[in-house]
Amino acid sequence: MKYMAFVLGILGGVTGILAGLFEHIPGVYTALFHNYSRYGVSASHLTVAVGVLCLISGVLFLVKPLAASWIGLVATVLGALGSLTLWLIPGSFIFMATVIGFFDVAPKRAHQEAH
């Protein structure tokens, strides 16, 4: 399970960074986010940073799945705020990894309390 969360976290991070870099292309941000672009708001740097956070979370799934799950949950919300529609694919990957990470932690705690 933790290896699946690792792979999904890495996929979410890579696609998140690509989504942030895609926003850097001139005209793309204006076309996709016309309502926000007139204010000069650009969240592409936030999207790239959240993609890096997803990569960190993906690697952390191998060591500390609970901490990685919380980081992934925060990254899912921040990415959705940063790039709206472009975050659908990376957000889905990291959210699936987060859910798997939370489920991976639960049986170990129950097993420790029994002994």
Protein backbone atom coordinates (compact mmCIF):
# COMPACT_ATOMS: atom_id res chain seq x y z
CA MET A 1 0.00 0.00 0.00
CA LYS A 2 2.75 2.44 0.86
CA TYR A 3 4.41 1.84 -2.50
CA MET A 4 1.17 2.65 -4.30
CA ALA A 5 0.87 5.84 -2.25
CA PHE A 6 4.50 6.62 -3.11
CA VAL A 7 3.86 6.21 -6.85
CA LEU A 8 0.65 8.25 -6.75
CA GLY A 9 2.37 10.99 -4.73
CA ILE A 10 5.22 11.20 -7.23
CA LEU A 11 2.75 11.27 -10.14
CA GLY A 12 0.78 14.02 -8.40
CA GLY A 13 3.93 16.02 -7.79
CA VAL A 14 5.23 15.74 -11.35
CA THR A 15 1.87 16.56 -12.94
CA GLY A 16 1.40 19.41 -10.45
CA ILE A 17 4.73 20.94 -11.41
CA LEU A 18 3.82 20.54 -15.09
CA ALA A 19 0.46 22.25 -14.47
CA GLY A 20 2.25 25.15 -12.79
CA LEU A 21 4.73 25.44 -15.64
CA PHE A 22 1.87 25.31 -18.14
CA GLU A 23 0.40 28.38 -16.45
CA HIS A 24 3.66 30.24 -17.15
CA ILE A 25 3.06 30.14 -20.93
CA PRO A 26 2.03 33.63 -22.06
CA GLY A 27 -1.68 33.81 -22.80
CA VAL A 28 -2.60 30.52 -21.14
CA TYR A 29 -3.29 32.06 -17.76
CA THR A 30 -5.31 34.87 -19.33
CA ALA A 31 -7.35 32.43 -21.42
CA LEU A 32 -8.10 30.01 -18.58
CA PHE A 33 -8.55 32.46 -15.74
CA HIS A 34 -9.91 35.54 -17.51
CA ASN A 35 -11.74 36.81 -14.41
CA TYR A 36 -8.61 36.65 -12.27
CA SER A 37 -6.10 37.82 -14.87
CA ARG A 38 -7.40 41.38 -14.97
CA TYR A 39 -6.26 41.78 -11.36
CA GLY A 40 -2.77 40.56 -12.18
CA VAL A 41 -3.18 37.49 -9.99
CA SER A 42 -0.83 34.67 -10.95
CA ALA A 43 -0.78 31.52 -8.91
CA SER A 44 1.56 29.53 -11.13
CA HIS A 45 4.38 29.88 -8.61
CA LEU A 46 2.06 28.54 -5.91
CA THR A 47 1.14 25.62 -8.15
CA VAL A 48 4.79 24.72 -8.76
CA ALA A 49 5.51 24.99 -5.02
CA VAL A 50 2.56 22.74 -4.21
CA GLY A 51 3.80 20.27 -6.84
CA VAL A 52 7.13 20.15 -5.03
CA LEU A 53 5.22 19.66 -1.76
CA CYS A 54 3.45 16.71 -3.39
CA LEU A 55 6.81 15.22 -4.37
CA ILE A 56 8.00 15.56 -0.77
CA SER A 57 4.78 13.97 0.43
CA GLY A 58 5.19 11.11 -2.05
CA VAL A 59 8.68 10.30 -0.80
CA LEU A 60 7.56 10.67 2.80
CA PHE A 61 4.91 7.96 2.30
CA LEU A 62 7.71 5.40 2.52
CA VAL A 63 8.86 6.62 5.94
CA LYS A 64 6.00 8.39 7.74
CA PRO A 65 2.67 7.70 6.03
CA LEU A 66 0.57 9.70 8.50
CA ALA A 67 2.64 12.88 8.14
CA ALA A 68 2.71 12.40 4.36
CA SER A 69 -1.08 12.05 4.33
CA TRP A 70 -1.57 15.34 6.16
CA ILE A 71 0.91 17.09 3.87
CA GLY A 72 -0.89 15.61 0.86
CA LEU A 73 -4.25 16.81 2.15
CA VAL A 74 -2.91 20.35 2.54
CA ALA A 75 -1.31 20.16 -0.91
CA THR A 76 -4.61 19.04 -2.45
CA VAL A 77 -6.44 22.07 -1.08
CA LEU A 78 -3.66 24.57 -1.88
CA GLY A 79 -3.30 23.24 -5.41
CA ALA A 80 -7.02 23.57 -6.03
CA LEU A 81 -6.87 27.17 -4.85
CA GLY A 82 -3.77 27.88 -6.93
CA SER A 83 -4.72 26.52 -10.31
CA LEU A 84 -8.42 25.64 -10.17
CA THR A 85 -9.21 23.45 -13.21
CA LEU A 86 -5.61 22.52 -13.97
CA TRP A 87 -5.34 20.82 -10.57
CA LEU A 88 -7.90 18.10 -11.37
CA ILE A 89 -5.37 15.45 -12.43
CA PRO A 90 -2.55 16.21 -9.94
CA GLY A 91 -5.08 16.72 -7.16
CA SER A 92 -6.70 13.37 -7.90
CA PHE A 93 -3.36 11.58 -7.74
CA ILE A 94 -2.30 13.16 -4.46
CA PHE A 95 -5.76 12.74 -2.90
CA MET A 96 -5.76 9.02 -3.72
CA ALA A 97 -2.28 8.75 -2.20
CA THR A 98 -3.53 10.59 0.89
CA VAL A 99 -6.46 8.23 1.36
CA ILE A 100 -4.22 5.19 0.90
CA GLY A 101 -1.76 6.68 3.41
CA PHE A 102 -4.47 7.15 6.02
CA PHE A 103 -5.69 3.58 5.54
CA ASP A 104 -2.13 2.26 5.72
CA VAL A 105 -1.66 3.81 9.18
CA ALA A 106 -4.88 2.54 10.80
CA PRO A 107 -4.20 -1.24 10.96
CA LYS A 108 -0.75 -0.77 12.50
CA ARG A 109 -2.11 1.25 15.41
CA ALA A 110 -4.85 -1.28 16.09
CA HIS A 111 -2.28 -4.07 16.03
CA GLN A 112 -0.01 -2.23 18.49
CA GLU A 113 -2.85 -1.64 20.95
CA ALA A 114 -3.78 -5.33 20.92
CA HIS A 115 -0.34 -6.38 22.11
